[in-house]
Amino acid sequence: KRNGMIGNIYSMGLALQALEVTRKFYAPRKWDCAQAFSVVFAHDYQQPMAIAQVLPALVGRSYLDVAGLDCAATKDTSPSRQLPLSPTLGTHSVPRAPILVHYSITNTLQGKHFHYSTSVTVPSGSTLLRVLEVAAEENPQTFSFQTEQTSWGPMVVSIHGLAASTDDRTYWQFLSAGDALDEGVGTYRPQAGEHIQAVFSTY
């Protein structure tokens, strides 16, 4: 239904591992592994946790295979013993064209409801986190926010003074064109003219 995406880009690694390991239990019903793997190959993974979970599936393994590894037999094939990394050539930075990104925050769930919108200019290729930072720099009273660092990168835990709560099962959900983003604010890169919505939500 989602062109091969299973859950979101973060859950793909574990989902592919699980589906490959339990393949025989799906017979005669099959899942389109080629379509799912095409999503993985097309994505530019940057978060170490996501990379760690998707790599086993890419080499036809799963975390379950760790129990059967013979470390003594593979100690001489460590990546550190392979060819050295190539030096980076021509590190001149190329200026990136500015783009306009529309950003709104909405709360109709708790306390005093609010909805604010703004448009900010950032260099093309900027992450969504940068969009939030520029919005907060230009109008801190309205668009201030806080993040917490996780193994999946920065997670927005508060916007406009309204904090997410595990007790209330609330969180800040980010959407584009009404659809939840498949990446976090630290890696998602909005396009020119895109409208990003942060909506205080419950789960």
N, C-alpha and C. Protein backbone atom coordinates (compact mmCIF):
# COMPACT_ATOMS: atom_id res chain seq x y z
N LYS A 1 0.82 -1.20 0.00
CA LYS A 1 0.00 0.00 0.00
C LYS A 1 0.85 1.25 0.00
N ARG A 2 2.12 1.14 0.46
CA ARG A 2 2.96 2.33 0.57
C ARG A 2 4.22 2.18 -0.26
N ASN A 3 4.09 1.53 -1.41
CA ASN A 3 5.21 1.37 -2.34
C ASN A 3 6.43 0.70 -1.70
N GLY A 4 6.17 -0.25 -0.82
CA GLY A 4 7.26 -1.01 -0.22
C GLY A 4 7.64 -0.57 1.18
N MET A 5 7.18 0.58 1.62
CA MET A 5 7.51 1.05 2.97
C MET A 5 6.77 0.21 4.01
N ILE A 6 7.52 -0.26 5.01
CA ILE A 6 6.92 -1.02 6.10
C ILE A 6 7.00 -0.16 7.35
N GLY A 7 5.89 0.36 7.80
CA GLY A 7 5.89 1.28 8.94
C GLY A 7 6.49 2.60 8.50
N ASN A 8 7.73 2.86 8.93
CA ASN A 8 8.46 4.03 8.47
C ASN A 8 9.90 3.64 8.22
N ILE A 9 10.73 4.59 7.82
CA ILE A 9 12.09 4.25 7.44
C ILE A 9 12.89 3.72 8.62
N TYR A 10 12.48 4.07 9.84
CA TYR A 10 13.17 3.59 11.02
C TYR A 10 12.85 2.12 11.33
N SER A 11 11.63 1.70 11.03
CA SER A 11 11.23 0.32 11.34
C SER A 11 11.59 -0.65 10.22
N MET A 12 12.03 -0.14 9.08
CA MET A 12 12.30 -1.00 7.93
C MET A 12 13.35 -2.08 8.22
N GLY A 13 14.43 -1.71 8.90
CA GLY A 13 15.51 -2.66 9.15
C GLY A 13 15.06 -3.89 9.90
N LEU A 14 14.40 -3.68 11.02
CA LEU A 14 13.92 -4.81 11.82
C LEU A 14 12.81 -5.57 11.11
N ALA A 15 11.95 -4.84 10.38
CA ALA A 15 10.87 -5.50 9.66
C ALA A 15 11.42 -6.43 8.58
N LEU A 16 12.43 -5.98 7.84
CA LEU A 16 13.03 -6.82 6.80
C LEU A 16 13.70 -8.05 7.41
N GLN A 17 14.39 -7.85 8.53
CA GLN A 17 15.01 -8.99 9.21
C GLN A 17 13.95 -10.02 9.61
N ALA A 18 12.88 -9.53 10.22
CA ALA A 18 11.83 -10.43 10.71
C ALA A 18 11.15 -11.17 9.56
N LEU A 19 10.86 -10.46 8.48
CA LEU A 19 10.18 -11.10 7.35
C LEU A 19 11.06 -12.13 6.65
N GLU A 20 12.36 -11.84 6.56
CA GLU A 20 13.26 -12.81 5.93
C GLU A 20 13.41 -14.06 6.78
N VAL A 21 13.54 -13.88 8.09
CA VAL A 21 13.72 -15.02 9.00
C VAL A 21 12.48 -15.91 9.02
N THR A 22 11.30 -15.28 8.94
CA THR A 22 10.05 -16.05 9.04
C THR A 22 9.41 -16.29 7.68
N ARG A 23 10.21 -16.20 6.62
CA ARG A 23 9.67 -16.33 5.26
C ARG A 23 8.84 -17.60 5.07
N LYS A 24 9.31 -18.71 5.61
CA LYS A 24 8.62 -19.99 5.38
C LYS A 24 7.22 -20.01 6.00
N PHE A 25 6.99 -19.20 7.01
CA PHE A 25 5.69 -19.18 7.66
C PHE A 25 4.66 -18.40 6.84
N TYR A 26 5.13 -17.68 5.81
CA TYR A 26 4.23 -16.88 4.99
C TYR A 26 3.74 -17.66 3.77
N ALA A 27 4.36 -18.81 3.47
CA ALA A 27 3.96 -19.59 2.30
C ALA A 27 2.54 -20.11 2.52
N PRO A 28 1.71 -20.15 1.47
CA PRO A 28 2.01 -19.73 0.10
C PRO A 28 1.87 -18.21 -0.12
N ARG A 29 1.47 -17.48 0.93
CA ARG A 29 1.36 -16.02 0.78
C ARG A 29 2.76 -15.42 0.76
N LYS A 30 3.02 -14.56 -0.22
CA LYS A 30 4.34 -13.96 -0.36
C LYS A 30 4.28 -12.46 -0.13
N TRP A 31 5.37 -11.90 0.32
CA TRP A 31 5.48 -10.45 0.45
C TRP A 31 6.51 -9.99 -0.58
N ASP A 32 6.32 -8.79 -1.08
CA ASP A 32 7.17 -8.28 -2.15
C ASP A 32 8.46 -7.72 -1.57
N CYS A 33 9.45 -8.62 -1.35
CA CYS A 33 10.70 -8.18 -0.73
C CYS A 33 11.47 -7.24 -1.65
N ALA A 34 11.35 -7.43 -2.97
CA ALA A 34 12.09 -6.55 -3.90
C ALA A 34 11.62 -5.11 -3.75
N GLN A 35 10.33 -4.93 -3.61
CA GLN A 35 9.78 -3.58 -3.46
C GLN A 35 10.25 -2.96 -2.14
N ALA A 36 10.26 -3.77 -1.07
CA ALA A 36 10.71 -3.26 0.23
C ALA A 36 12.20 -2.92 0.20
N PHE A 37 13.00 -3.76 -0.42
CA PHE A 37 14.43 -3.49 -0.48
C PHE A 37 14.74 -2.27 -1.35
N SER A 38 13.90 -2.01 -2.35
CA SER A 38 14.13 -0.84 -3.20
C SER A 38 13.96 0.44 -2.38
N VAL A 39 13.06 0.42 -1.39
CA VAL A 39 12.90 1.57 -0.50
C VAL A 39 14.17 1.79 0.30
N VAL A 40 14.74 0.70 0.81
CA VAL A 40 15.96 0.77 1.62
C VAL A 40 17.13 1.28 0.78
N PHE A 41 17.28 0.74 -0.43
CA PHE A 41 18.40 1.15 -1.29
C PHE A 41 18.29 2.61 -1.71
N ALA A 42 17.07 3.11 -1.83
CA ALA A 42 16.87 4.48 -2.30
C ALA A 42 17.05 5.51 -1.19
N HIS A 43 17.03 5.05 0.07
CA HIS A 43 17.09 6.00 1.18
C HIS A 43 18.53 6.27 1.61
N ASP A 44 18.80 7.53 1.91
CA ASP A 44 20.13 7.94 2.38
C ASP A 44 20.14 7.86 3.90
N TYR A 45 20.47 6.67 4.44
CA TYR A 45 20.48 6.48 5.88
C TYR A 45 21.60 7.29 6.53
N GLN A 46 21.28 7.98 7.61
CA GLN A 46 22.27 8.77 8.33
C GLN A 46 22.33 8.43 9.81
N GLN A 47 21.22 7.93 10.37
CA GLN A 47 21.21 7.61 11.79
C GLN A 47 21.89 6.27 12.04
N PRO A 48 22.89 6.22 12.94
CA PRO A 48 23.60 4.97 13.21
C PRO A 48 22.68 3.81 13.59
N MET A 49 21.63 4.09 14.38
CA MET A 49 20.73 3.02 14.81
C MET A 49 20.00 2.42 13.62
N ALA A 50 19.52 3.27 12.72
CA ALA A 50 18.82 2.78 11.53
C ALA A 50 19.75 1.96 10.65
N ILE A 51 20.99 2.43 10.50
CA ILE A 51 21.97 1.71 9.69
C ILE A 51 22.26 0.34 10.30
N ALA A 52 22.43 0.31 11.63
CA ALA A 52 22.73 -0.95 12.32
C ALA A 52 21.62 -1.97 12.15
N GLN A 53 20.38 -1.50 12.03
CA GLN A 53 19.27 -2.44 11.91
C GLN A 53 19.02 -2.88 10.48
N VAL A 54 19.40 -2.05 9.51
CA VAL A 54 19.13 -2.41 8.13
C VAL A 54 20.27 -3.20 7.48
N LEU A 55 21.51 -3.02 7.97
CA LEU A 55 22.65 -3.71 7.38
C LEU A 55 22.51 -5.23 7.39
N PRO A 56 22.12 -5.86 8.50
CA PRO A 56 21.98 -7.33 8.46
C PRO A 56 21.06 -7.81 7.35
N ALA A 57 19.94 -7.12 7.17
CA ALA A 57 18.99 -7.53 6.12
C ALA A 57 19.61 -7.39 4.73
N LEU A 58 20.46 -6.38 4.54
CA LEU A 58 21.07 -6.16 3.23
C LEU A 58 22.07 -7.26 2.86
N VAL A 59 22.61 -7.92 3.86
CA VAL A 59 23.56 -9.02 3.57
C VAL A 59 22.91 -10.38 3.80
N GLY A 60 21.58 -10.39 3.89
CA GLY A 60 20.86 -11.66 4.00
C GLY A 60 20.97 -12.30 5.36
N ARG A 61 21.19 -11.51 6.39
CA ARG A 61 21.29 -12.03 7.75
C ARG A 61 20.25 -11.37 8.64
N SER A 62 20.22 -11.79 9.89
CA SER A 62 19.40 -11.13 10.90
C SER A 62 20.18 -11.15 12.21
N TYR A 63 19.67 -10.46 13.19
CA TYR A 63 20.33 -10.45 14.49
C TYR A 63 20.40 -11.87 15.06
N LEU A 64 19.48 -12.76 14.66
CA LEU A 64 19.48 -14.13 15.16
C LEU A 64 20.74 -14.89 14.72
N ASP A 65 21.35 -14.46 13.62
CA ASP A 65 22.54 -15.14 13.12
C ASP A 65 23.76 -14.90 14.00
N VAL A 66 23.70 -13.91 14.87
CA VAL A 66 24.84 -13.59 15.72
C VAL A 66 25.21 -14.79 16.59
N ALA A 67 24.21 -15.54 17.03
CA ALA A 67 24.46 -16.68 17.91
C ALA A 67 25.32 -17.75 17.24
N GLY A 68 25.28 -17.81 15.90
CA GLY A 68 26.03 -18.84 15.20
C GLY A 68 27.33 -18.36 14.58
N LEU A 69 27.75 -17.12 14.85
CA LEU A 69 28.98 -16.60 14.26
C LEU A 69 30.22 -17.24 14.87
N ASP A 70 31.20 -17.55 14.03
CA ASP A 70 32.49 -18.07 14.49
C ASP A 70 33.48 -16.91 14.44
N CYS A 71 33.62 -16.21 15.55
CA CYS A 71 34.47 -15.01 15.57
C CYS A 71 35.94 -15.34 15.32
N ALA A 72 36.37 -16.50 15.76
CA ALA A 72 37.77 -16.88 15.57
C ALA A 72 38.11 -17.02 14.10
N ALA A 73 37.15 -17.50 13.32
CA ALA A 73 37.38 -17.72 11.89
C ALA A 73 37.35 -16.43 11.09
N THR A 74 36.78 -15.39 11.66
CA THR A 74 36.62 -14.15 10.89
C THR A 74 37.47 -13.01 11.43
N LYS A 75 38.35 -13.28 12.40
CA LYS A 75 39.09 -12.19 13.03
C LYS A 75 40.06 -11.49 12.09
N ASP A 76 40.49 -12.17 11.02
CA ASP A 76 41.44 -11.57 10.10
C ASP A 76 40.78 -10.84 8.95
N THR A 77 39.45 -10.79 8.95
CA THR A 77 38.74 -10.11 7.86
C THR A 77 38.03 -8.86 8.37
N SER A 78 38.53 -8.33 9.45
CA SER A 78 37.95 -7.11 10.01
C SER A 78 38.05 -5.97 9.00
N PRO A 79 37.00 -5.13 8.90
CA PRO A 79 37.06 -4.00 7.96
C PRO A 79 38.27 -3.11 8.19
N SER A 80 38.77 -3.07 9.43
CA SER A 80 39.90 -2.20 9.72
C SER A 80 41.17 -2.68 9.04
N ARG A 81 41.18 -3.94 8.56
CA ARG A 81 42.36 -4.48 7.90
C ARG A 81 42.28 -4.33 6.38
N GLN A 82 41.21 -3.74 5.93
CA GLN A 82 41.02 -3.57 4.49
C GLN A 82 41.70 -2.28 4.03
N LEU A 83 41.39 -1.87 2.80
CA LEU A 83 42.02 -0.69 2.21
C LEU A 83 41.74 0.55 3.03
N PRO A 84 42.70 1.47 3.12
CA PRO A 84 42.48 2.70 3.87
C PRO A 84 41.44 3.57 3.18
N LEU A 85 40.83 4.44 3.96
CA LEU A 85 39.85 5.36 3.39
C LEU A 85 40.52 6.35 2.45
N SER A 86 39.83 6.69 1.40
CA SER A 86 40.38 7.66 0.44
C SER A 86 40.30 9.05 1.01
N PRO A 87 41.32 9.87 0.78
CA PRO A 87 41.25 11.26 1.26
C PRO A 87 40.19 12.03 0.49
N THR A 88 39.58 12.97 1.16
CA THR A 88 38.57 13.81 0.52
C THR A 88 39.26 14.84 -0.35
N LEU A 89 38.81 14.93 -1.59
CA LEU A 89 39.41 15.87 -2.54
C LEU A 89 38.45 17.02 -2.79
N GLY A 90 39.01 18.19 -3.00
CA GLY A 90 38.18 19.35 -3.39
C GLY A 90 37.10 19.66 -2.40
N THR A 91 37.44 20.09 -1.23
CA THR A 91 36.44 20.33 -0.19
C THR A 91 35.85 21.73 -0.23
N HIS A 92 35.91 22.40 -1.38
CA HIS A 92 35.31 23.73 -1.49
C HIS A 92 33.80 23.60 -1.38
N SER A 93 33.20 24.35 -0.48
CA SER A 93 31.75 24.28 -0.31
C SER A 93 31.07 25.13 -1.38
N VAL A 94 30.00 24.56 -1.90
CA VAL A 94 29.23 25.26 -2.93
C VAL A 94 28.01 25.89 -2.25
N PRO A 95 27.80 27.18 -2.43
CA PRO A 95 26.64 27.82 -1.80
C PRO A 95 25.34 27.16 -2.27
N ARG A 96 24.44 26.94 -1.32
CA ARG A 96 23.16 26.31 -1.65
C ARG A 96 22.09 27.37 -1.79
N ALA A 97 21.28 27.21 -2.80
CA ALA A 97 20.22 28.19 -3.06
C ALA A 97 19.22 28.20 -1.91
N PRO A 98 18.73 29.38 -1.55
CA PRO A 98 17.74 29.45 -0.46
C PRO A 98 16.38 28.92 -0.92
N ILE A 99 15.67 28.31 0.00
CA ILE A 99 14.30 27.84 -0.27
C ILE A 99 13.38 28.35 0.84
N LEU A 100 12.12 28.48 0.50
CA LEU A 100 11.11 28.92 1.46
C LEU A 100 10.34 27.70 1.94
N VAL A 101 10.26 27.52 3.25
CA VAL A 101 9.51 26.41 3.84
C VAL A 101 8.44 26.98 4.76
N HIS A 102 7.21 26.50 4.61
CA HIS A 102 6.10 26.94 5.45
C HIS A 102 6.02 26.00 6.65
N TYR A 103 5.81 26.56 7.82
CA TYR A 103 5.83 25.78 9.05
C TYR A 103 4.71 26.25 9.96
N SER A 104 3.95 25.29 10.49
CA SER A 104 2.87 25.66 11.41
C SER A 104 2.87 24.73 12.62
N ILE A 105 2.39 25.26 13.73
CA ILE A 105 2.26 24.47 14.96
C ILE A 105 0.81 24.55 15.40
N THR A 106 0.25 23.43 15.84
CA THR A 106 -1.16 23.36 16.18
C THR A 106 -1.38 22.53 17.43
N ASN A 107 -2.21 23.06 18.32
CA ASN A 107 -2.63 22.30 19.50
C ASN A 107 -4.13 22.49 19.69
N THR A 108 -4.89 21.42 19.52
CA THR A 108 -6.32 21.44 19.82
C THR A 108 -6.63 20.32 20.81
N LEU A 109 -5.61 19.93 21.56
CA LEU A 109 -5.71 18.76 22.43
C LEU A 109 -5.74 19.12 23.91
N GLN A 110 -4.90 20.05 24.32
CA GLN A 110 -4.77 20.36 25.75
C GLN A 110 -4.71 21.85 26.00
N GLY A 111 -5.19 22.24 27.19
CA GLY A 111 -5.06 23.63 27.61
C GLY A 111 -5.63 24.62 26.61
N LYS A 112 -4.97 25.77 26.52
CA LYS A 112 -5.41 26.80 25.57
C LYS A 112 -4.97 26.41 24.16
N HIS A 113 -5.94 26.22 23.29
CA HIS A 113 -5.64 25.81 21.91
C HIS A 113 -4.93 26.93 21.16
N PHE A 114 -4.09 26.54 20.19
CA PHE A 114 -3.40 27.54 19.39
C PHE A 114 -3.05 26.98 18.01
N HIS A 115 -2.86 27.90 17.09
CA HIS A 115 -2.39 27.57 15.74
C HIS A 115 -1.60 28.77 15.22
N TYR A 116 -0.34 28.55 14.92
CA TYR A 116 0.51 29.61 14.39
C TYR A 116 1.22 29.12 13.14
N SER A 117 1.41 30.01 12.21
CA SER A 117 2.09 29.67 10.96
C SER A 117 3.16 30.70 10.66
N THR A 118 4.18 30.26 9.95
CA THR A 118 5.25 31.15 9.52
C THR A 118 5.88 30.57 8.27
N SER A 119 6.69 31.37 7.62
CA SER A 119 7.49 30.90 6.48
C SER A 119 8.92 31.32 6.74
N VAL A 120 9.84 30.39 6.57
CA VAL A 120 11.25 30.70 6.83
C VAL A 120 12.09 30.34 5.60
N THR A 121 13.19 31.03 5.48
CA THR A 121 14.12 30.77 4.38
C THR A 121 15.36 30.08 4.93
N VAL A 122 15.68 28.93 4.33
CA VAL A 122 16.86 28.16 4.72
C VAL A 122 17.59 27.71 3.45
N PRO A 123 18.87 27.37 3.55
CA PRO A 123 19.56 26.84 2.36
C PRO A 123 18.94 25.51 1.93
N SER A 124 18.86 25.26 0.63
CA SER A 124 18.33 23.99 0.15
C SER A 124 19.16 22.85 0.74
N GLY A 125 18.48 21.77 1.07
CA GLY A 125 19.17 20.63 1.69
C GLY A 125 19.22 20.70 3.19
N SER A 126 18.68 21.78 3.77
CA SER A 126 18.66 21.91 5.22
C SER A 126 17.71 20.89 5.83
N THR A 127 18.01 20.48 7.05
CA THR A 127 17.12 19.55 7.76
C THR A 127 15.93 20.31 8.33
N LEU A 128 14.92 19.56 8.70
CA LEU A 128 13.75 20.15 9.34
C LEU A 128 14.13 20.80 10.66
N LEU A 129 15.13 20.24 11.35
CA LEU A 129 15.59 20.84 12.59
C LEU A 129 16.06 22.28 12.35
N ARG A 130 16.74 22.51 11.24
CA ARG A 130 17.19 23.86 10.91
C ARG A 130 16.01 24.79 10.67
N VAL A 131 14.95 24.29 10.04
CA VAL A 131 13.74 25.09 9.82
C VAL A 131 13.17 25.53 11.17
N LEU A 132 13.10 24.59 12.12
CA LEU A 132 12.58 24.91 13.44
C LEU A 132 13.47 25.93 14.15
N GLU A 133 14.77 25.79 13.99
CA GLU A 133 15.71 26.72 14.62
C GLU A 133 15.54 28.14 14.08
N VAL A 134 15.41 28.26 12.76
CA VAL A 134 15.24 29.59 12.15
C VAL A 134 13.91 30.21 12.59
N ALA A 135 12.86 29.40 12.62
CA ALA A 135 11.56 29.91 13.07
C ALA A 135 11.65 30.41 14.51
N ALA A 136 12.37 29.66 15.35
CA ALA A 136 12.52 30.06 16.76
C ALA A 136 13.40 31.29 16.90
N GLU A 137 14.40 31.43 16.03
CA GLU A 137 15.27 32.61 16.07
C GLU A 137 14.49 33.87 15.67
N GLU A 138 13.62 33.72 14.69
CA GLU A 138 12.87 34.87 14.18
C GLU A 138 11.70 35.24 15.10
N ASN A 139 11.12 34.26 15.77
CA ASN A 139 9.98 34.52 16.64
C ASN A 139 10.00 33.54 17.83
N PRO A 140 10.90 33.79 18.78
CA PRO A 140 11.07 32.86 19.90
C PRO A 140 9.84 32.73 20.79
N GLN A 141 9.07 33.78 20.91
CA GLN A 141 7.90 33.72 21.78
C GLN A 141 6.86 32.72 21.28
N THR A 142 6.81 32.54 19.98
CA THR A 142 5.82 31.64 19.40
C THR A 142 6.40 30.27 19.06
N PHE A 143 7.58 30.25 18.45
CA PHE A 143 8.09 29.00 17.89
C PHE A 143 9.25 28.38 18.66
N SER A 144 9.42 28.77 19.93
CA SER A 144 10.47 28.14 20.73
C SER A 144 10.17 26.64 20.85
N PHE A 145 11.22 25.85 20.96
CA PHE A 145 11.04 24.40 21.07
C PHE A 145 12.21 23.80 21.84
N GLN A 146 12.02 22.58 22.29
CA GLN A 146 13.06 21.85 22.98
C GLN A 146 13.18 20.45 22.38
N THR A 147 14.39 19.92 22.38
CA THR A 147 14.62 18.56 21.88
C THR A 147 15.33 17.74 22.94
N GLU A 148 15.24 16.43 22.77
CA GLU A 148 16.03 15.49 23.56
C GLU A 148 16.80 14.62 22.58
N GLN A 149 18.04 14.32 22.91
CA GLN A 149 18.84 13.47 22.03
C GLN A 149 18.50 12.01 22.29
N THR A 150 18.23 11.26 21.24
CA THR A 150 17.97 9.83 21.36
C THR A 150 18.92 9.09 20.43
N SER A 151 18.89 7.77 20.50
CA SER A 151 19.74 6.98 19.61
C SER A 151 19.29 7.11 18.16
N TRP A 152 18.10 7.66 17.94
CA TRP A 152 17.59 7.90 16.59
C TRP A 152 17.76 9.35 16.18
N GLY A 153 18.48 10.13 16.97
CA GLY A 153 18.68 11.53 16.66
C GLY A 153 17.81 12.41 17.55
N PRO A 154 17.81 13.72 17.30
CA PRO A 154 17.03 14.64 18.15
C PRO A 154 15.53 14.42 18.01
N MET A 155 14.83 14.45 19.14
CA MET A 155 13.38 14.30 19.16
C MET A 155 12.79 15.55 19.79
N VAL A 156 11.84 16.17 19.11
CA VAL A 156 11.19 17.37 19.63
C VAL A 156 10.23 16.95 20.74
N VAL A 157 10.45 17.53 21.93
CA VAL A 157 9.61 17.16 23.08
C VAL A 157 8.73 18.32 23.55
N SER A 158 9.00 19.53 23.06
CA SER A 158 8.18 20.67 23.46
C SER A 158 8.22 21.75 22.39
N ILE A 159 7.06 22.33 22.12
CA ILE A 159 6.94 23.47 21.20
C ILE A 159 5.99 24.48 21.83
N HIS A 160 6.36 25.76 21.77
CA HIS A 160 5.52 26.83 22.30
C HIS A 160 5.20 26.58 23.78
N GLY A 161 6.14 25.97 24.49
CA GLY A 161 5.95 25.71 25.92
C GLY A 161 5.08 24.51 26.24
N LEU A 162 4.57 23.82 25.22
CA LEU A 162 3.71 22.66 25.45
C LEU A 162 4.52 21.38 25.28
N ALA A 163 4.73 20.66 26.37
CA ALA A 163 5.60 19.49 26.36
C ALA A 163 4.83 18.20 26.18
N ALA A 164 5.43 17.28 25.45
CA ALA A 164 4.87 15.94 25.31
C ALA A 164 4.97 15.22 26.65
N SER A 165 4.11 14.23 26.85
CA SER A 165 4.09 13.52 28.12
C SER A 165 3.76 12.05 27.91
N THR A 166 4.60 11.18 28.45
CA THR A 166 4.29 9.75 28.37
C THR A 166 3.08 9.41 29.24
N ASP A 167 2.90 10.14 30.33
CA ASP A 167 1.74 9.90 31.20
C ASP A 167 0.44 10.20 30.47
N ASP A 168 0.44 11.30 29.70
CA ASP A 168 -0.76 11.68 28.94
C ASP A 168 -0.79 11.05 27.56
N ARG A 169 0.29 10.33 27.22
CA ARG A 169 0.42 9.69 25.89
C ARG A 169 0.33 10.74 24.78
N THR A 170 1.03 11.86 24.97
CA THR A 170 1.02 12.92 23.97
C THR A 170 2.41 13.10 23.36
N TYR A 171 2.44 13.60 22.15
CA TYR A 171 3.70 13.85 21.45
C TYR A 171 3.47 14.86 20.34
N TRP A 172 4.57 15.41 19.83
CA TRP A 172 4.49 16.34 18.69
C TRP A 172 4.71 15.53 17.41
N GLN A 173 3.68 15.48 16.59
CA GLN A 173 3.74 14.75 15.32
C GLN A 173 4.00 15.72 14.18
N PHE A 174 4.93 15.35 13.30
CA PHE A 174 5.27 16.20 12.16
C PHE A 174 4.69 15.60 10.89
N LEU A 175 4.03 16.45 10.11
CA LEU A 175 3.36 16.02 8.89
C LEU A 175 3.73 16.91 7.72
N SER A 176 3.60 16.35 6.53
CA SER A 176 3.74 17.11 5.29
C SER A 176 2.58 16.69 4.39
N ALA A 177 1.82 17.66 3.95
CA ALA A 177 0.63 17.39 3.13
C ALA A 177 -0.30 16.40 3.82
N GLY A 178 -0.36 16.48 5.14
CA GLY A 178 -1.27 15.64 5.91
C GLY A 178 -0.73 14.26 6.25
N ASP A 179 0.42 13.90 5.73
CA ASP A 179 1.00 12.58 5.99
C ASP A 179 2.15 12.70 6.99
N ALA A 180 2.21 11.75 7.93
CA ALA A 180 3.28 11.74 8.92
C ALA A 180 4.62 11.55 8.23
N LEU A 181 5.64 12.26 8.69
CA LEU A 181 6.97 12.14 8.11
C LEU A 181 7.57 10.78 8.47
N ASP A 182 8.34 10.23 7.54
CA ASP A 182 8.99 8.94 7.75
C ASP A 182 10.35 9.08 8.43
N GLU A 183 10.79 10.31 8.62
CA GLU A 183 12.09 10.56 9.26
C GLU A 183 11.93 11.57 10.37
N GLY A 184 12.96 11.67 11.20
CA GLY A 184 12.95 12.63 12.29
C GLY A 184 13.41 14.00 11.84
N VAL A 185 13.32 14.97 12.73
CA VAL A 185 13.66 16.35 12.38
C VAL A 185 15.15 16.52 12.07
N GLY A 186 15.98 15.62 12.57
CA GLY A 186 17.41 15.74 12.34
C GLY A 186 17.87 15.26 10.98
N THR A 187 17.01 14.51 10.28
CA THR A 187 17.41 13.99 8.96
C THR A 187 16.45 14.37 7.84
N TYR A 188 15.19 14.68 8.15
CA TYR A 188 14.23 15.03 7.10
C TYR A 188 14.62 16.37 6.47
N ARG A 189 14.61 16.42 5.15
CA ARG A 189 14.99 17.64 4.43
C ARG A 189 13.81 18.15 3.59
N PRO A 190 13.15 19.20 4.05
CA PRO A 190 12.00 19.73 3.32
C PRO A 190 12.39 20.28 1.95
N GLN A 191 11.43 20.26 1.05
CA GLN A 191 11.62 20.81 -0.29
C GLN A 191 11.09 22.25 -0.33
N ALA A 192 11.49 22.96 -1.36
CA ALA A 192 11.03 24.34 -1.53
C ALA A 192 9.51 24.39 -1.60
N GLY A 193 8.92 25.29 -0.81
CA GLY A 193 7.47 25.46 -0.82
C GLY A 193 6.71 24.46 0.00
N GLU A 194 7.39 23.51 0.63
CA GLU A 194 6.71 22.47 1.41
C GLU A 194 6.11 23.07 2.68
N HIS A 195 4.96 22.53 3.09
CA HIS A 195 4.32 22.97 4.32
C HIS A 195 4.47 21.86 5.36
N ILE A 196 5.24 22.15 6.41
CA ILE A 196 5.45 21.21 7.50
C ILE A 196 4.54 21.59 8.66
N GLN A 197 3.80 20.63 9.16
CA GLN A 197 2.90 20.87 10.28
C GLN A 197 3.41 20.10 11.50
N ALA A 198 3.45 20.77 12.63
CA ALA A 198 3.72 20.12 13.91
C ALA A 198 2.40 20.13 14.67
N VAL A 199 1.87 18.95 14.94
CA VAL A 199 0.55 18.85 15.56
C VAL A 199 0.67 18.09 16.89
N PHE A 200 0.21 18.71 17.95
CA PHE A 200 0.23 18.05 19.25
C PHE A 200 -0.80 16.92 19.22
N SER A 201 -0.34 15.69 19.41
CA SER A 201 -1.19 14.53 19.17
C SER A 201 -1.12 13.54 20.34
N THR A 202 -1.98 12.54 20.28
CA THR A 202 -1.99 11.49 21.27
C THR A 202 -1.87 10.14 20.60
N TYR A 203 -1.38 9.17 21.34
CA TYR A 203 -1.24 7.81 20.80
C TYR A 203 -1.89 6.80 21.70
